[in-house]
């Protein structure tokens, strides 16, 4: 019997009363993620302690559609493990996403308590690393090792394939940016982790559309884990509760129209007149500026607010900095699963072939009309629409 999975949002009761001190104390005593990952770590009620809410059988909605396929409905209020168990039968993918969730939980604590002094260490791309970058990098590699289902992993800080010991057949390869926005940690802005999951043992010669999952960990006033799975509609937000459990709090399935913009790489407007024209349009039309300097929060707000546009455009003197493998493709997957669109100016970023680990690109994420406007303004036409321009390009 063919099984399909859809997720529905239904308000349920939320948080049990557990003090933040209990959670902080438990994390503070853990100096490494390693002890959390053992042969029992992914059993029910063991990874994050006691189950968030033990759902009665009647709360697992099962119905039959016209084609007699089984539909399992994921509900707001589900724990991460409950959500994943309802969403996929791939035990390896479930374990990998749970292990990454455990790493994100630990990184969130470390970011909150990090010393933000720079180190003398730089990665091979020439970017300065902060101590918390390297700690996040280490935790994520450990999590992937202990998942036992990751064959290769590659980090923006360590841009070489690392063998994690998992199977090539039935396993996964993962690319991640351990702490996007680390340069603004010291200002206490929101930062985050980005990762994409591909089947098998390849991270080049592939496209973003081949991902089986992608996610962000967002470390701000709240800590959230935003993920999307290939065969499950929507992009899904999980909130980290005081006792360390992830709770499903939001589904996003549509990005609508709304005047909110986040313009990255504004230096490019100096010698890219089309980008300057687009920015002038946003200002003239009284768009609300919502730009933090961190790609994770700026893209996440499009998913949460269900509207807006994020741009990062190149010019002859302001070259592309965003990496297709580590940042652009995973975020493109999250945006498009949420009902939005992505573009490099001419095509979806999910259709760009990742030739080298360090491939870079310009990008825009947003609603359909905003991506049409972006493409028409920069290149004169849009693959998403025929006819009169929607604005800015006129």
Protein backbone atom coordinates (compact mmCIF):
# COMPACT_ATOMS: atom_id res chain seq x y z
CA UNK A 1 0.00 0.00 0.00
CA UNK A 2 1.38 3.38 -0.96
CA UNK A 3 1.78 5.63 2.04
CA UNK A 4 1.59 9.39 1.81
CA UNK A 5 2.11 11.84 4.63
CA UNK A 6 0.58 15.23 5.15
CA UNK A 7 0.85 17.54 8.11
CA UNK A 8 -1.94 19.58 9.57
CA UNK A 9 -1.77 22.40 12.08
CA UNK A 10 -4.05 21.99 15.07
CA UNK A 11 -3.67 23.99 18.25
CA UNK A 12 -3.05 21.81 21.29
CA UNK A 13 -1.95 22.44 24.82
CA UNK A 14 1.69 23.40 25.02
CA UNK A 15 4.27 23.55 27.71
CA UNK A 16 4.63 21.64 30.95
CA UNK A 17 6.05 23.78 33.75
CA UNK A 18 9.73 23.02 33.92
CA UNK A 19 12.26 25.61 35.03
CA UNK A 20 14.96 26.87 32.69
CA UNK A 21 17.44 26.36 35.50
CA UNK A 22 16.89 22.58 35.34
CA UNK A 23 17.66 22.55 31.62
CA UNK A 24 20.64 24.88 31.83
CA UNK A 25 22.14 22.88 34.67
CA UNK A 26 21.81 19.63 32.76
CA UNK A 27 23.49 21.10 29.71
CA UNK A 28 26.24 22.76 31.69
CA UNK A 29 27.32 19.43 33.11
CA UNK A 30 27.80 18.01 29.63
CA UNK A 31 31.23 18.89 28.22
CA UNK A 32 30.74 16.96 24.99
CA UNK A 33 27.92 15.72 22.87
CA UNK A 34 29.45 12.26 22.65
CA UNK A 35 27.94 10.70 25.80
CA UNK A 36 24.45 11.57 24.54
CA UNK A 37 24.88 9.34 21.53
CA UNK A 38 24.89 5.65 22.32
CA UNK A 39 22.99 2.59 21.23
CA UNK A 40 20.02 3.60 23.35
CA UNK A 41 20.00 7.32 22.57
CA UNK A 42 17.28 7.21 19.95
CA UNK A 43 14.82 4.98 21.74
CA UNK A 44 11.54 6.57 22.67
CA UNK A 45 11.75 8.83 25.71
CA UNK A 46 15.53 8.57 25.95
CA UNK A 47 17.04 11.19 23.66
CA UNK A 48 15.31 14.18 25.21
CA UNK A 49 14.14 12.57 28.43
CA UNK A 50 10.52 11.73 29.09
CA UNK A 51 8.19 12.12 26.12
CA UNK A 52 6.77 15.62 25.70
CA UNK A 53 3.23 14.39 25.57
CA UNK A 54 2.12 10.79 25.28
CA UNK A 55 -0.58 10.99 22.68
CA UNK A 56 -3.59 8.73 22.98
CA UNK A 57 -4.22 6.51 20.00
CA UNK A 58 -7.12 8.68 18.91
CA UNK A 59 -4.84 11.70 18.39
CA UNK A 60 -2.92 10.00 15.59
CA UNK A 61 -5.21 10.93 12.76
CA UNK A 62 -5.39 8.26 10.10
CA UNK A 63 -7.72 8.59 7.15
CA UNK A 64 -8.08 7.14 3.69
CA UNK A 65 -8.08 9.32 0.62
CA UNK A 66 -9.92 8.63 -2.61
CA UNK A 67 -7.01 6.58 -3.93
CA UNK A 68 -7.03 4.54 -0.70
CA UNK A 69 -3.56 5.72 0.35
CA UNK A 70 -2.91 5.95 4.07
CA UNK A 71 -2.58 9.50 5.36
CA UNK A 72 -0.84 10.14 8.70
CA UNK A 73 -1.36 13.63 10.04
CA UNK A 74 1.40 15.33 12.00
CA UNK A 75 0.02 17.66 14.63
CA UNK A 76 1.11 20.86 16.27
CA UNK A 77 2.30 19.80 19.72
CA UNK A 78 4.07 16.65 18.53
CA UNK A 79 7.59 16.06 19.74
CA UNK A 80 10.32 15.91 17.12
CA UNK A 81 10.48 12.13 17.38
CA UNK A 82 6.71 11.80 17.00
CA UNK A 83 6.74 14.09 13.97
CA UNK A 84 9.56 12.22 12.24
CA UNK A 85 8.04 8.82 13.00
CA UNK A 86 4.78 9.90 11.38
CA UNK A 87 6.54 11.55 8.44
CA UNK A 88 8.92 8.91 7.16
CA UNK A 89 9.56 5.20 7.40
CA UNK A 90 13.31 5.75 6.84
CA UNK A 91 14.79 4.92 10.24
CA UNK A 92 18.21 6.15 9.14
CA UNK A 93 16.87 9.59 8.25
CA UNK A 94 14.94 9.75 11.52
CA UNK A 95 18.06 8.94 13.49
CA UNK A 96 20.19 11.45 11.59
CA UNK A 97 17.67 14.29 12.08
CA UNK A 98 17.33 13.44 15.77
CA UNK A 99 21.10 13.43 16.24
CA UNK A 100 21.40 16.79 14.52
CA UNK A 101 18.66 18.09 16.80
CA UNK A 102 20.70 16.98 19.80
CA UNK A 103 23.74 18.81 18.43
CA UNK A 104 21.68 21.97 17.85
CA UNK A 105 20.41 21.82 21.42
CA UNK A 106 23.97 21.76 22.73
CA UNK A 107 25.17 24.47 20.33
CA UNK A 108 22.33 26.71 21.52
CA UNK A 109 23.62 26.48 25.08
CA UNK A 110 27.23 27.06 24.01
CA UNK A 111 26.27 30.13 21.94
CA UNK A 112 24.47 31.62 24.93
CA UNK A 113 27.57 31.22 27.09
CA UNK A 114 30.29 31.74 24.45
CA UNK A 115 33.35 33.88 24.76
CA UNK A 116 33.35 35.82 21.52
CA UNK A 117 37.02 36.67 21.16
CA UNK A 118 38.47 35.89 17.74
CA UNK A 119 41.16 33.26 17.34
CA UNK A 120 44.20 33.19 15.10
CA UNK A 121 42.65 30.29 13.21
CA UNK A 122 41.19 30.85 9.77
CA UNK A 123 39.47 28.34 7.54
CA UNK A 124 40.69 27.52 4.04
CA UNK A 125 38.33 30.12 2.53
CA UNK A 126 40.15 32.84 4.47
CA UNK A 127 37.31 33.64 6.88
CA UNK A 128 38.21 34.28 10.51
CA UNK A 129 36.75 31.69 12.84
CA UNK A 130 35.51 32.38 16.33
CA UNK A 131 35.92 29.83 19.07
CA UNK A 132 32.21 29.05 19.03
CA UNK A 133 32.41 28.27 15.27
CA UNK A 134 34.89 25.52 15.87
CA UNK A 135 32.95 24.12 18.80
CA UNK A 136 29.76 23.96 16.71
CA UNK A 137 31.72 22.34 13.90
CA UNK A 138 33.04 19.64 16.25
CA UNK A 139 29.61 18.94 17.74
CA UNK A 140 27.98 18.50 14.35
CA UNK A 141 30.66 16.12 13.08
CA UNK A 142 30.28 14.08 16.29
CA UNK A 143 26.51 13.99 15.89
CA UNK A 144 26.81 12.70 12.33
CA UNK A 145 29.32 10.05 13.41
CA UNK A 146 27.02 8.80 16.16
CA UNK A 147 24.01 8.74 13.85
CA UNK A 148 25.69 5.76 12.07
CA UNK A 149 23.84 6.70 8.87
CA UNK A 150 26.08 9.45 7.53
CA UNK A 151 28.63 8.35 4.92
CA UNK A 152 30.27 11.69 4.17
CA UNK A 153 30.04 15.10 5.79
CA UNK A 154 31.47 18.42 4.73
CA UNK A 155 31.56 21.67 6.67
CA UNK A 156 32.03 25.21 5.48
CA UNK A 157 34.81 25.42 8.08
CA UNK A 158 36.36 22.12 6.91
CA UNK A 159 35.58 22.09 3.17
CA UNK A 160 36.75 18.55 2.53
CA UNK A 161 34.76 15.33 2.55
CA UNK A 162 35.04 13.57 5.90
CA UNK A 163 34.17 9.86 6.11
CA UNK A 164 31.69 9.45 8.96
CA UNK A 165 31.64 5.66 8.71
CA UNK A 166 28.03 5.23 7.65
CA UNK A 167 26.83 3.16 4.68
CA UNK A 168 26.88 4.54 1.14
CA UNK A 169 23.79 2.47 0.27
CA UNK A 170 20.92 3.59 2.47
CA UNK A 171 23.05 6.28 4.07
CA UNK A 172 23.37 10.02 3.58
CA UNK A 173 25.87 12.78 2.94
CA UNK A 174 25.51 16.05 4.83
CA UNK A 175 26.85 19.53 4.16
CA UNK A 176 26.58 22.19 6.84
CA UNK A 177 27.49 25.70 7.89
CA UNK A 178 28.07 25.20 11.62
CA UNK A 179 27.40 28.78 12.69
CA UNK A 180 26.24 31.16 10.01
CA UNK A 181 26.56 34.74 11.25
CA UNK A 182 29.27 34.03 13.81
CA UNK A 183 30.69 37.52 13.24
CA UNK A 184 27.58 38.98 14.91
CA UNK A 185 27.58 36.68 17.95
CA UNK A 186 29.37 39.36 19.97
CA UNK A 187 26.56 41.85 19.22
CA UNK A 188 24.02 39.30 20.49
CA UNK A 189 22.20 39.09 17.15
CA UNK A 190 20.48 35.89 16.12
CA UNK A 191 22.73 33.31 14.43
CA UNK A 192 22.14 29.79 13.21
CA UNK A 193 23.24 26.47 11.79
CA UNK A 194 22.34 25.37 8.25
CA UNK A 195 22.52 21.85 6.84
CA UNK A 196 21.37 19.85 3.83
CA UNK A 197 21.02 16.07 3.56
CA UNK A 198 21.59 14.19 0.30
CA UNK A 199 21.10 10.44 -0.25
CA UNK A 200 24.16 8.27 -0.81
CA UNK A 201 27.80 9.30 -0.92
CA UNK A 202 27.97 12.39 -3.17
CA UNK A 203 28.14 16.11 -2.42
CA UNK A 204 29.26 17.23 -5.89
CA UNK A 205 27.65 16.59 -9.26
CA UNK A 206 24.29 16.97 -7.54
CA UNK A 207 21.58 19.63 -7.22
CA UNK A 208 19.76 21.05 -4.25
CA UNK A 209 16.57 19.48 -5.51
CA UNK A 210 18.02 16.04 -4.74
CA UNK A 211 18.10 16.75 -1.00
CA UNK A 212 16.01 14.44 1.17
CA UNK A 213 15.99 16.95 4.03
CA UNK A 214 17.29 20.37 5.02
CA UNK A 215 17.18 22.35 8.22
CA UNK A 216 18.20 25.42 10.20
CA UNK A 217 18.91 25.77 13.88
CA UNK A 218 18.08 29.33 14.94
CA UNK A 219 19.69 30.66 18.12
CA UNK A 220 17.92 33.83 19.19
CA UNK A 221 15.51 34.81 21.97
CA UNK A 222 13.98 31.41 21.19
CA UNK A 223 15.84 28.37 19.92
CA UNK A 224 14.10 26.71 17.00
CA UNK A 225 14.79 23.82 14.64
CA UNK A 226 13.22 24.48 11.23
CA UNK A 227 13.20 21.49 8.90
CA UNK A 228 11.72 20.12 5.72
CA UNK A 229 11.61 16.57 4.36
CA UNK A 230 11.41 15.74 0.67
CA UNK A 231 8.20 13.70 0.79
CA UNK A 232 6.36 15.79 3.42
CA UNK A 233 4.49 18.99 2.51
CA UNK A 234 5.58 22.20 4.18
CA UNK A 235 8.41 23.49 6.31
CA UNK A 236 8.10 22.81 10.03
CA UNK A 237 9.25 24.73 13.10
CA UNK A 238 10.16 23.06 16.40
CA UNK A 239 10.66 25.04 19.59
CA UNK A 240 13.25 24.04 22.20
CA UNK A 241 11.45 23.86 25.53
CA UNK A 242 13.00 24.48 28.93
CA UNK A 243 13.54 20.79 29.62
CA UNK A 244 15.36 20.29 26.31
CA UNK A 245 12.61 18.81 24.14
CA UNK A 246 11.72 19.93 20.64
CA UNK A 247 8.01 20.67 20.16
CA UNK A 248 6.27 21.14 16.81
CA UNK A 249 4.82 24.66 16.87
CA UNK A 250 4.29 25.79 13.26
CA UNK A 251 3.80 24.57 9.70
CA UNK A 252 4.39 26.84 6.72
CA UNK A 253 2.97 25.77 3.36
CA UNK A 254 2.50 29.12 1.59
CA UNK A 255 4.57 32.29 1.21
CA UNK A 256 2.22 35.12 0.33
CA UNK A 257 2.78 38.66 -0.90
CA UNK A 258 3.88 41.34 1.55
CA UNK A 259 6.11 44.39 1.58
CA UNK A 260 9.09 43.26 3.63
CA UNK A 261 12.66 43.15 2.31
CA UNK A 262 16.11 42.05 3.47
CA UNK A 263 18.78 43.38 1.11
CA UNK A 264 22.17 41.71 1.43
CA UNK A 265 25.41 42.85 -0.23
CA UNK A 266 24.27 46.44 -0.78
CA UNK A 267 27.83 47.26 -1.89
CA UNK A 268 26.81 45.74 -5.21
CA UNK A 269 24.40 48.61 -5.89
CA UNK A 270 27.46 50.83 -6.58
CA UNK A 271 28.21 49.09 -9.88
CA UNK A 272 25.10 46.99 -10.48
CA UNK A 273 22.50 49.57 -11.56
CA UNK A 274 19.75 46.97 -11.86
CA UNK A 275 20.19 45.96 -8.23
CA UNK A 276 20.17 49.64 -7.28
CA UNK A 277 16.89 50.03 -9.23
CA UNK A 278 15.37 47.11 -7.29
CA UNK A 279 16.37 48.60 -3.93
CA UNK A 280 14.99 51.99 -4.97
CA UNK A 281 11.70 50.29 -5.83
CA UNK A 282 11.44 48.76 -2.33
CA UNK A 283 12.07 52.14 -0.74
CA UNK A 284 9.67 54.01 -3.05
CA UNK A 285 6.92 51.46 -2.46
CA UNK A 286 7.43 51.75 1.33
CA UNK A 287 8.55 48.21 1.99
CA UNK A 288 9.49 47.46 5.60
CA UNK A 289 13.23 46.91 6.02
CA UNK A 290 13.98 43.78 8.05
CA UNK A 291 17.68 43.03 7.72
CA UNK A 292 19.93 41.73 10.50
CA UNK A 293 23.12 40.87 8.66
CA UNK A 294 22.56 37.19 9.41
CA UNK A 295 21.31 34.99 6.57
CA UNK A 296 19.58 32.49 8.85
CA UNK A 297 17.27 34.97 10.65
CA UNK A 298 16.64 36.95 7.46
CA UNK A 299 15.52 33.86 5.56
CA UNK A 300 13.72 32.36 8.55
CA UNK A 301 11.53 35.44 8.91
CA UNK A 302 10.14 34.84 5.40
CA UNK A 303 9.04 31.38 6.55
CA UNK A 304 7.66 32.58 9.89
CA UNK A 305 5.96 35.74 8.60
CA UNK A 306 4.97 33.95 5.36
CA UNK A 307 5.92 36.92 3.19
CA UNK A 308 8.85 39.02 2.03
CA UNK A 309 12.02 38.91 -0.05
CA UNK A 310 15.70 38.26 0.73
CA UNK A 311 18.31 39.31 -1.84
CA UNK A 312 22.07 38.91 -2.08
CA UNK A 313 23.23 40.13 -5.48
CA UNK A 314 26.67 40.33 -7.07
CA UNK A 315 28.43 43.01 -9.07
CA UNK A 316 31.82 43.40 -10.80
CA UNK A 317 33.43 44.60 -7.56
CA UNK A 318 31.22 42.82 -5.00
CA UNK A 319 31.52 39.15 -5.83
CA UNK A 320 29.24 36.36 -4.62
CA UNK A 321 30.12 35.09 -1.14
CA UNK A 322 27.29 32.67 -0.41
CA UNK A 323 28.16 28.98 -0.88
CA UNK A 324 25.71 26.93 -2.89
CA UNK A 325 26.34 23.66 -1.05
CA UNK A 326 26.48 24.86 2.55
CA UNK A 327 23.98 27.72 2.58
CA UNK A 328 22.07 28.50 -0.59
CA UNK A 329 20.77 25.04 -1.57
CA UNK A 330 19.60 23.98 1.94
CA UNK A 331 17.84 27.32 2.51
CA UNK A 332 16.35 27.12 -0.98
CA UNK A 333 14.92 23.71 -0.09
CA UNK A 334 13.33 25.12 3.09
CA UNK A 335 11.87 28.13 1.27
CA UNK A 336 10.43 26.14 -1.64
CA UNK A 337 8.97 23.46 0.65
CA UNK A 338 7.31 26.33 2.54
CA UNK A 339 5.59 27.45 -0.67
CA UNK A 340 8.07 30.15 -1.65
CA UNK A 341 10.49 30.52 -4.55
CA UNK A 342 14.23 30.89 -5.02
CA UNK A 343 16.32 32.30 -7.85
CA UNK A 344 19.85 33.05 -8.94
CA UNK A 345 18.34 35.50 -11.42
CA UNK A 346 17.49 32.94 -14.07
CA UNK A 347 16.58 29.66 -12.38
CA UNK A 348 15.72 28.10 -9.05
CA UNK A 349 18.85 27.66 -6.94
CA UNK A 350 17.71 24.05 -6.42
CA UNK A 351 18.41 23.38 -10.12
CA UNK A 352 22.00 24.62 -10.02
CA UNK A 353 24.50 21.77 -10.24
CA UNK A 354 27.02 21.76 -7.40
CA UNK A 355 30.28 21.23 -9.28
CA UNK A 356 32.77 22.17 -6.54
CA UNK A 357 32.42 22.33 -2.77
CA UNK A 358 33.20 26.06 -2.87
CA UNK A 359 30.72 27.06 -5.62
CA UNK A 360 29.17 30.45 -4.87
CA UNK A 361 26.15 32.26 -6.22
CA UNK A 362 23.86 35.24 -5.90
CA UNK A 363 20.39 34.42 -4.63
CA UNK A 364 16.90 35.66 -3.85
CA UNK A 365 14.24 33.95 -1.74
CA UNK A 366 10.64 35.06 -1.43
CA UNK A 367 7.09 34.97 -2.70
CA UNK A 368 6.32 34.30 -6.35
CA UNK A 369 5.70 37.93 -7.35
CA UNK A 370 8.82 39.10 -5.54
CA UNK A 371 10.96 36.54 -7.36
CA UNK A 372 9.35 37.54 -10.67
CA UNK A 373 10.21 41.18 -9.91
CA UNK A 374 13.77 40.19 -8.97
CA UNK A 375 14.34 38.26 -12.20
CA UNK A 376 12.69 40.85 -14.44
CA UNK A 377 14.63 43.72 -12.90
CA UNK A 378 18.01 42.06 -13.10
CA UNK A 379 17.61 40.17 -16.39
CA UNK A 380 14.61 41.65 -18.20
CA UNK A 381 12.33 38.61 -17.98
CA UNK A 382 11.21 35.92 -15.57
CA UNK A 383 10.88 32.18 -16.09
CA UNK A 384 7.85 32.32 -13.74
CA UNK A 385 5.74 34.69 -15.80
CA UNK A 386 5.05 35.85 -19.33
CA UNK A 387 3.64 39.26 -20.07
CA UNK A 388 3.97 42.69 -18.46
CA UNK A 389 6.59 43.13 -15.73
CA UNK A 390 5.29 43.21 -12.16
CA UNK A 391 7.29 46.33 -11.31
CA UNK A 392 10.77 47.82 -10.84
CA UNK A 393 11.94 46.64 -14.27
CA UNK A 394 9.77 49.17 -16.13
